Amino acid sequence: MKTDLDHRELDEIRKKRPSKYRGLNQDEISLGLAESDFEMPVEVKQAMIDAIMNGEYHYQFDGLPGFLEAAKEKLWRFNNLRVGEDEIMPIAGGMNGIWLASRCLVRPGEKVIAITPNYPPIIEMPRTVSQAEVVETMARGNFHMDLEAIEAAITERTRMISICNPNNPSGAVYSREELGGLAELATRHDLYAFSDELYENLTYDGRRHLSLASLPGMKERTVTVFAFTKIYGMSGLRIGYLVGPKEIVKGMKEENSRVFIQPSTIDQIAGSVALAKCDYYVESLKAHLEKVRNHITGKLNEVPMINMSPPEGAFFAFPDLSPLFQDDENAVVYIRQKAKIQVSGGKGFGKGGERHIRISFCSPWEIVTEATARICRALWARASSITSHEESSPKA
């Protein structure tokens, strides 16, 4: 079959993203790891080069002033959050923020409610870091919150509710109504909230991202994590920031100082430039990803026995393949063997993910369309074999 795939481009991506392609053969494409295949903005690259040449790489114990100012401006402009510098903390990527929330907001024996499917560290880290009990509350069939189930899971030992919005892996973008319902539960039961908002800019079909902390009564009880890993293609720089009540942020800074002093000054310079000068980059990426999303969803829905709605945000397709496979692990193995594509199984994302696979599509058009064609050919073959077997089975 003729393909428009430029193998030189794929080879370059493979060379620059060794973790994403670790263990894969030369003819395989990775749509597994949630990493952008696009270069970071040129303004960010130049700012880092200039900073090094100008000697701007020394301690910034309280955060680089330019980074904190850029974050404050963006939080007001985009998230409707007016915060002071004592409510912002530079962190070494989203994982650092998840660790801090797990370490500082919950104690052994307390409960954390995680709305699933969800990013695995959000589910696992309270258990491993603070010996808390994590209660997985599965989303509804459309991957939106089941507020009744969340309320039923709250007990006197419940300390925090954790979300990822836009959601990894489902792509759900939570509405003002459901976030308002969650806020009402959190305030009524006096709970902390943790919100991972790494994909905040990637919402489709005219949807707008809403930060949980911006709702009435939530700023004083919510820790929100933002990072540059996904949207700006800066996964290796390990830079982000969290926002929360100043006393909590103060405690998190003290806790973090036991592990490392600060995120790199150069990384903070890169982040400040991304926030201040690279809105055009985000809008261009978003337009590309919405086109890619439409293509993948359309092609998957042509396969017999598959029916999925387009993801509302982020850069993942999360189809339910249970009509074709016994479980998601079998599906992942089959797709790699037959299609030469690496995808992720849904089981690791908690309750509600078991029957699904996650396809990460933050890649150039030629790579995504080639990978989609391979996956769909393999799934068509699987569906045809199931149909043939059912037709040839003895009738009762």
Protein backbone atom coordinates (compact mmCIF):
# COMPACT_ATOMS: atom_id res chain seq x y z
CA MET A 1 0.00 0.00 0.00
CA LYS A 2 1.34 3.43 -0.92
CA THR A 3 2.07 5.68 2.04
CA ASP A 4 2.95 9.35 2.40
CA LEU A 5 5.00 8.64 5.52
CA ASP A 6 8.37 10.40 5.47
CA HIS A 7 10.67 7.90 7.16
CA ARG A 8 13.34 10.57 7.55
CA GLU A 9 11.00 12.57 9.76
CA LEU A 10 10.12 9.47 11.77
CA ASP A 11 13.80 8.58 12.14
CA GLU A 12 14.50 12.08 13.46
CA ILE A 13 11.66 11.82 15.99
CA ARG A 14 12.89 8.37 17.02
CA LYS A 15 16.41 9.72 17.59
CA LYS A 16 15.28 12.69 19.68
CA ARG A 17 12.73 10.77 21.80
CA PRO A 18 14.59 7.67 23.00
CA SER A 19 12.21 6.92 25.89
CA LYS A 20 9.17 7.00 23.62
CA TYR A 21 10.78 4.56 21.17
CA ARG A 22 12.70 2.43 23.65
CA GLY A 23 12.45 -1.26 22.75
CA LEU A 24 10.66 -0.69 19.44
CA ASN A 25 11.87 -1.96 16.10
CA GLN A 26 12.72 0.31 13.19
CA ASP A 27 9.38 -0.32 11.44
CA GLU A 28 7.29 0.40 14.54
CA ILE A 29 5.58 3.68 15.45
CA SER A 30 5.00 4.75 19.05
CA LEU A 31 1.63 6.22 19.95
CA GLY A 32 2.10 5.03 23.51
CA LEU A 33 3.97 7.53 25.67
CA ALA A 34 2.17 10.85 26.16
CA GLU A 35 4.92 12.92 24.57
CA SER A 36 4.71 15.53 21.83
CA ASP A 37 6.56 14.77 18.60
CA PHE A 38 6.88 18.49 17.86
CA GLU A 39 9.84 20.76 18.55
CA MET A 40 9.47 23.36 21.29
CA PRO A 41 8.90 26.98 20.17
CA VAL A 42 11.96 28.63 18.64
CA GLU A 43 11.60 31.56 21.07
CA VAL A 44 12.05 29.15 23.97
CA LYS A 45 15.18 27.62 22.44
CA GLN A 46 16.70 31.03 21.82
CA ALA A 47 15.89 32.25 25.32
CA MET A 48 17.75 29.29 26.84
CA ILE A 49 20.75 29.85 24.60
CA ASP A 50 20.81 33.56 25.47
CA ALA A 51 20.47 32.81 29.18
CA ILE A 52 23.44 30.47 29.14
CA MET A 53 25.57 32.90 27.17
CA ASN A 54 24.63 35.72 29.54
CA GLY A 55 25.39 33.68 32.68
CA GLU A 56 21.78 33.48 33.87
CA TYR A 57 22.06 30.03 35.44
CA HIS A 58 22.52 30.62 39.15
CA TYR A 59 20.31 29.99 42.20
CA GLN A 60 16.76 31.36 42.27
CA PHE A 61 15.61 29.96 45.61
CA ASP A 62 12.17 31.57 45.63
CA GLY A 63 11.53 31.22 41.93
CA LEU A 64 12.71 33.31 39.02
CA PRO A 65 10.83 36.67 39.20
CA GLY A 66 10.12 36.64 35.46
CA PHE A 67 8.69 33.12 35.68
CA LEU A 68 6.44 33.95 38.62
CA GLU A 69 5.20 37.11 36.89
CA ALA A 70 4.47 35.27 33.64
CA ALA A 71 2.59 32.57 35.55
CA LYS A 72 0.55 35.16 37.49
CA GLU A 73 -0.43 36.96 34.28
CA LYS A 74 -1.42 33.74 32.51
CA LEU A 75 -3.41 32.47 35.50
CA TRP A 76 -5.50 35.65 35.54
CA ARG A 77 -5.89 35.84 31.77
CA PHE A 78 -6.65 32.19 31.08
CA ASN A 79 -7.72 30.55 34.35
CA ASN A 80 -9.57 33.44 36.02
CA LEU A 81 -7.30 33.04 39.05
CA ARG A 82 -5.79 36.09 40.71
CA VAL A 83 -2.92 34.90 42.89
CA GLY A 84 0.11 36.28 44.66
CA GLU A 85 3.68 35.04 44.34
CA ASP A 86 3.33 33.23 47.68
CA GLU A 87 0.56 31.12 46.12
CA ILE A 88 2.73 29.91 43.18
CA MET A 89 5.51 27.37 43.31
CA PRO A 90 7.85 26.38 40.46
CA ILE A 91 8.03 22.58 40.27
CA ALA A 92 9.99 20.00 38.31
CA GLY A 93 7.09 18.98 36.09
CA GLY A 94 3.66 17.59 36.88
CA MET A 95 4.95 14.53 38.75
CA ASN A 96 6.62 16.79 41.32
CA GLY A 97 3.27 18.46 41.93
CA ILE A 98 1.42 15.15 42.32
CA TRP A 99 4.07 13.99 44.80
CA LEU A 100 3.78 17.18 46.83
CA ALA A 101 -0.01 17.02 47.01
CA SER A 102 0.16 13.40 48.11
CA ARG A 103 2.87 14.20 50.66
CA CYS A 104 1.48 17.40 52.15
CA LEU A 105 -2.32 17.16 51.96
CA VAL A 106 -3.06 13.65 53.22
CA ARG A 107 -1.89 11.50 56.12
CA PRO A 108 -1.72 7.73 56.65
CA GLY A 109 -5.15 6.15 56.90
CA GLU A 110 -6.99 9.08 55.33
CA LYS A 111 -8.90 8.62 52.08
CA VAL A 112 -8.40 10.17 48.66
CA ILE A 113 -11.10 9.90 46.01
CA ALA A 114 -9.69 9.62 42.49
CA ILE A 115 -12.13 10.00 39.61
CA THR A 116 -11.18 7.32 37.11
CA PRO A 117 -9.96 6.60 34.55
CA ASN A 118 -7.13 8.92 35.51
CA TYR A 119 -3.40 9.47 35.12
CA PRO A 120 -1.88 6.53 37.08
CA PRO A 121 0.38 8.52 39.48
CA ILE A 122 -2.67 10.46 40.69
CA ILE A 123 -4.16 7.12 41.75
CA GLU A 124 -1.03 5.46 43.07
CA MET A 125 1.04 8.19 44.69
CA PRO A 126 -1.15 8.88 47.77
CA ARG A 127 -0.85 5.16 48.58
CA THR A 128 2.90 4.94 48.19
CA VAL A 129 3.89 8.37 49.51
CA SER A 130 1.46 8.84 52.41
CA GLN A 131 -0.07 5.39 52.99
CA ALA A 132 -3.48 6.86 52.30
CA GLU A 133 -6.41 4.81 51.04
CA VAL A 134 -7.40 5.66 47.47
CA VAL A 135 -11.02 5.12 46.48
CA GLU A 136 -11.47 4.95 42.71
CA THR A 137 -14.80 6.43 41.64
CA MET A 138 -15.52 5.47 38.05
CA ALA A 139 -16.80 8.10 35.64
CA ARG A 140 -20.03 7.65 33.73
CA GLY A 141 -20.13 6.01 30.30
CA ASN A 142 -19.25 9.32 28.64
CA PHE A 143 -16.24 9.71 30.98
CA HIS A 144 -17.85 12.57 32.87
CA MET A 145 -18.22 12.73 36.63
CA ASP A 146 -20.71 10.61 38.51
CA LEU A 147 -21.38 13.09 41.30
CA GLU A 148 -23.73 10.71 43.12
CA ALA A 149 -21.05 8.03 43.24
CA ILE A 150 -18.47 10.58 44.42
CA GLU A 151 -20.72 11.71 47.26
CA ALA A 152 -21.49 8.12 48.23
CA ALA A 153 -17.73 7.45 48.51
CA ILE A 154 -17.14 10.32 50.97
CA THR A 155 -16.65 9.30 54.60
CA GLU A 156 -15.34 11.00 57.72
CA ARG A 157 -11.84 9.84 56.74
CA THR A 158 -11.98 11.40 53.26
CA ARG A 159 -9.41 14.17 52.87
CA MET A 160 -9.08 14.96 49.15
CA ILE A 161 -10.68 14.51 45.71
CA SER A 162 -8.36 14.28 42.69
CA ILE A 163 -9.17 14.99 39.05
CA CYS A 164 -7.35 15.37 35.74
CA ASN A 165 -8.99 17.95 33.47
CA PRO A 166 -8.84 17.70 30.47
CA ASN A 167 -8.66 14.06 31.29
CA ASN A 168 -5.80 11.72 30.56
CA PRO A 169 -6.65 9.16 29.13
CA SER A 170 -10.27 9.77 28.06
CA GLY A 171 -10.05 13.35 26.76
CA ALA A 172 -13.12 14.39 28.76
CA VAL A 173 -13.37 18.13 29.44
CA TYR A 174 -15.42 18.73 32.57
CA SER A 175 -18.29 21.19 32.31
CA ARG A 176 -19.01 24.13 34.59
CA GLU A 177 -22.04 22.27 35.92
CA GLU A 178 -20.17 19.14 36.99
CA LEU A 179 -17.17 21.08 38.35
CA GLY A 180 -19.65 23.19 40.30
CA GLY A 181 -21.19 20.01 41.70
CA LEU A 182 -17.75 18.78 42.72
CA ALA A 183 -16.99 22.15 44.32
CA GLU A 184 -20.19 21.95 46.32
CA LEU A 185 -19.23 18.51 47.64
CA ALA A 186 -15.72 19.64 48.52
CA THR A 187 -16.89 22.73 50.42
CA ARG A 188 -19.76 20.96 52.18
CA HIS A 189 -17.52 18.15 53.38
CA ASP A 190 -14.46 20.40 53.94
CA LEU A 191 -12.20 18.51 51.53
CA TYR A 192 -9.07 19.41 49.63
CA ALA A 193 -9.10 19.11 45.84
CA PHE A 194 -6.23 18.28 43.55
CA SER A 195 -6.51 19.19 39.86
CA ASP A 196 -4.04 18.15 37.16
CA GLU A 197 -4.55 20.65 34.31
CA LEU A 198 -1.59 19.90 32.05
CA TYR A 199 -3.78 19.76 28.91
CA GLU A 200 -5.71 22.94 29.71
CA ASN A 201 -5.17 24.58 26.30
CA LEU A 202 -6.27 21.54 24.28
CA THR A 203 -10.06 21.64 24.15
CA TYR A 204 -12.07 21.07 20.98
CA ASP A 205 -15.41 21.93 19.37
CA GLY A 206 -15.49 25.34 21.00
CA ARG A 207 -15.17 24.07 24.56
CA ARG A 208 -13.39 26.23 27.12
CA HIS A 209 -11.28 24.93 29.95
CA LEU A 210 -12.43 25.84 33.46
CA SER A 211 -10.08 25.62 36.43
CA LEU A 212 -11.67 24.06 39.51
CA ALA A 213 -9.88 26.57 41.76
CA SER A 214 -11.64 29.47 40.03
CA LEU A 215 -15.05 28.43 41.37
CA PRO A 216 -16.48 30.00 44.55
CA GLY A 217 -14.99 28.54 47.71
CA MET A 218 -12.37 26.46 45.89
CA LYS A 219 -9.25 28.63 45.70
CA GLU A 220 -8.56 28.13 49.42
CA ARG A 221 -8.86 24.34 49.22
CA THR A 222 -7.45 23.43 45.77
CA VAL A 223 -3.94 22.62 44.58
CA THR A 224 -3.66 22.87 40.80
CA VAL A 225 -0.72 21.62 38.77
CA PHE A 226 0.37 23.04 35.41
CA ALA A 227 3.39 22.07 33.31
CA PHE A 228 5.02 22.65 29.94
CA THR A 229 5.63 18.98 29.19
CA LYS A 230 2.76 18.26 26.84
CA ILE A 231 1.67 21.44 25.10
CA TYR A 232 5.06 23.03 24.44
CA GLY A 233 7.06 19.87 23.66
CA MET A 234 9.34 20.50 26.66
CA SER A 235 9.17 17.07 28.31
CA GLY A 236 12.88 16.86 29.11
CA LEU A 237 13.11 20.29 30.75
CA ARG A 238 11.06 19.26 33.82
CA ILE A 239 9.41 22.56 34.57
CA GLY A 240 5.93 23.44 35.76
CA TYR A 241 4.19 25.29 38.56
CA LEU A 242 1.53 24.63 41.12
CA VAL A 243 -0.99 27.02 42.62
CA GLY A 244 -2.59 26.73 46.04
CA PRO A 245 -3.32 28.45 49.36
CA LYS A 246 -0.21 30.25 50.57
CA GLU A 247 0.19 28.25 53.80
CA ILE A 248 0.01 24.99 51.85
CA VAL A 249 2.44 26.29 49.24
CA LYS A 250 4.81 27.35 52.01
CA GLY A 251 4.75 23.84 53.44
CA MET A 252 5.26 22.32 50.00
CA LYS A 253 8.32 24.49 49.41
CA GLU A 254 9.80 23.29 52.69
CA GLU A 255 9.05 19.66 51.83
CA ASN A 256 10.46 20.00 48.33
CA SER A 257 13.68 21.56 49.65
CA ARG A 258 14.48 18.23 51.29
CA VAL A 259 14.69 16.66 47.83
CA PHE A 260 16.16 19.41 45.67
CA ILE A 261 16.69 23.15 45.90
CA GLN A 262 14.74 24.44 42.89
CA PRO A 263 13.81 23.68 39.31
CA SER A 264 16.58 24.76 36.95
CA THR A 265 16.84 28.51 36.42
CA ILE A 266 17.26 27.89 32.69
CA ASP A 267 14.06 25.84 32.68
CA GLN A 268 12.20 28.66 34.45
CA ILE A 269 13.42 31.09 31.79
CA ALA A 270 12.12 28.70 29.13
CA GLY A 271 8.75 28.48 30.87
CA SER A 272 8.39 32.23 31.25
CA VAL A 273 8.99 32.75 27.51
CA ALA A 274 6.53 29.99 26.61
CA LEU A 275 3.82 31.66 28.69
CA ALA A 276 4.55 35.20 27.54
CA LYS A 277 5.32 34.79 23.84
CA CYS A 278 4.03 31.47 22.49
CA ASP A 279 0.23 31.61 22.38
CA TYR A 280 0.50 31.31 18.59
CA TYR A 281 2.28 27.96 19.02
CA VAL A 282 -0.47 26.62 21.29
CA GLU A 283 -3.24 27.70 18.91
CA SER A 284 -1.48 26.11 15.94
CA LEU A 285 -0.96 22.84 17.83
CA LYS A 286 -4.58 22.81 18.95
CA ALA A 287 -5.85 23.26 15.38
CA HIS A 288 -3.62 20.45 14.16
CA LEU A 289 -4.67 18.10 16.95
CA GLU A 290 -8.37 18.73 16.38
CA LYS A 291 -7.89 17.74 12.72
CA VAL A 292 -5.97 14.63 13.79
CA ARG A 293 -8.62 13.77 16.37
CA ASN A 294 -11.37 13.94 13.75
CA HIS A 295 -9.40 11.69 11.41
CA ILE A 296 -8.63 9.02 14.00
CA THR A 297 -12.17 9.00 15.38
CA GLY A 298 -13.71 8.72 11.91
CA LYS A 299 -11.46 5.85 10.85
CA LEU A 300 -11.91 3.90 14.08
CA ASN A 301 -15.68 4.24 13.86
CA GLU A 302 -15.59 2.62 10.43
CA VAL A 303 -14.30 -0.60 12.01
CA PRO A 304 -17.12 -3.06 12.81
CA MET A 305 -18.03 -3.31 16.51
CA ILE A 306 -16.25 -0.05 17.45
CA ASN A 307 -18.24 3.03 18.39
CA MET A 308 -16.50 5.95 20.07
CA SER A 309 -17.17 9.64 20.54
CA PRO A 310 -14.45 12.15 19.67
CA PRO A 311 -12.32 13.08 22.69
CA GLU A 312 -13.24 16.54 23.95
CA GLY A 313 -9.70 17.56 24.81
CA ALA A 314 -6.06 16.47 25.37
CA PHE A 315 -4.44 14.32 22.64
CA PHE A 316 -5.70 10.80 23.24
CA ALA A 317 -8.16 8.48 21.58
CA PHE A 318 -9.53 5.97 24.09
CA PRO A 319 -11.65 3.41 22.22
CA ASP A 320 -13.40 0.51 23.91
CA LEU A 321 -12.13 -2.65 22.18
CA SER A 322 -13.96 -5.19 24.36
CA PRO A 323 -16.08 -6.45 21.40
CA LEU A 324 -12.83 -7.52 19.73
CA PHE A 325 -10.53 -8.58 22.59
CA GLN A 326 -10.76 -10.38 25.90
CA ASP A 327 -8.91 -7.53 27.62
CA ASP A 328 -6.86 -4.45 26.82
CA GLU A 329 -3.54 -6.24 27.32
CA ASN A 330 -4.41 -8.64 24.50
CA ALA A 331 -5.39 -5.67 22.35
CA VAL A 332 -2.06 -3.91 22.94
CA VAL A 333 -0.08 -7.04 22.03
CA TYR A 334 -2.19 -7.70 18.94
CA ILE A 335 -1.85 -4.14 17.63
CA ARG A 336 1.89 -4.17 18.10
CA GLN A 337 2.27 -7.54 16.40
CA LYS A 338 -0.12 -6.95 13.51
CA ALA A 339 0.09 -3.19 12.99
CA LYS A 340 3.59 -2.42 14.31
CA ILE A 341 2.12 0.34 16.49
CA GLN A 342 2.75 0.81 20.21
CA VAL A 343 -0.32 1.93 22.19
CA SER A 344 -1.14 1.82 25.92
CA GLY A 345 -3.54 -0.47 27.74
CA GLY A 346 -6.37 1.15 29.64
CA LYS A 347 -6.21 -1.00 32.78
CA GLY A 348 -3.43 1.07 34.31
CA PHE A 349 -5.65 4.15 34.33
CA GLY A 350 -7.95 2.70 36.97
CA LYS A 351 -11.57 1.63 37.04
CA GLY A 352 -13.32 2.30 33.76
CA GLY A 353 -10.16 1.95 31.69
CA GLU A 354 -9.93 -1.84 31.57
CA ARG A 355 -11.56 -2.42 28.19
CA HIS A 356 -9.83 0.43 26.37
CA ILE A 357 -6.57 1.32 24.71
CA ARG A 358 -5.02 4.79 24.73
CA ILE A 359 -3.70 6.17 21.45
CA SER A 360 -1.50 9.25 21.92
CA PHE A 361 -1.74 11.34 18.74
CA CYS A 362 0.46 14.41 19.29
CA SER A 363 2.42 13.67 16.11
CA PRO A 364 2.77 15.00 12.55
CA TRP A 365 -0.09 14.30 10.16
CA GLU A 366 1.81 11.79 8.03
CA ILE A 367 2.82 9.70 11.04
CA VAL A 368 -0.65 9.69 12.59
CA THR A 369 -2.45 8.84 9.37
CA GLU A 370 -0.04 5.99 8.64
CA ALA A 371 -0.40 4.64 12.17
CA THR A 372 -4.18 4.96 12.03
CA ALA A 373 -4.32 3.06 8.75
CA ARG A 374 -2.22 0.26 10.20
CA ILE A 375 -4.32 0.02 13.37
CA CYS A 376 -7.60 0.02 11.47
CA ARG A 377 -6.43 -2.67 9.03
CA ALA A 378 -5.49 -4.87 11.98
CA LEU A 379 -8.80 -4.24 13.74
CA TRP A 380 -10.79 -4.89 10.55
CA ALA A 381 -9.01 -8.25 10.27
CA ARG A 382 -9.82 -9.02 13.90
CA ALA A 383 -13.49 -8.13 13.43
CA SER A 384 -13.71 -10.20 10.26
CA SER A 385 -12.23 -13.25 12.00
CA ILE A 386 -14.73 -12.94 14.85
CA THR A 387 -17.64 -12.59 12.43
CA SER A 388 -16.47 -15.59 10.39
CA HIS A 389 -16.11 -17.69 13.53
CA GLU A 390 -19.60 -16.76 14.73
CA GLU A 391 -21.13 -17.59 11.34
CA SER A 392 -19.42 -20.98 11.21
CA SER A 393 -20.36 -21.96 14.79
CA PRO A 394 -23.12 -24.60 15.13
CA LYS A 395 -26.52 -23.11 15.77
CA ALA A 396 -28.47 -24.28 18.80
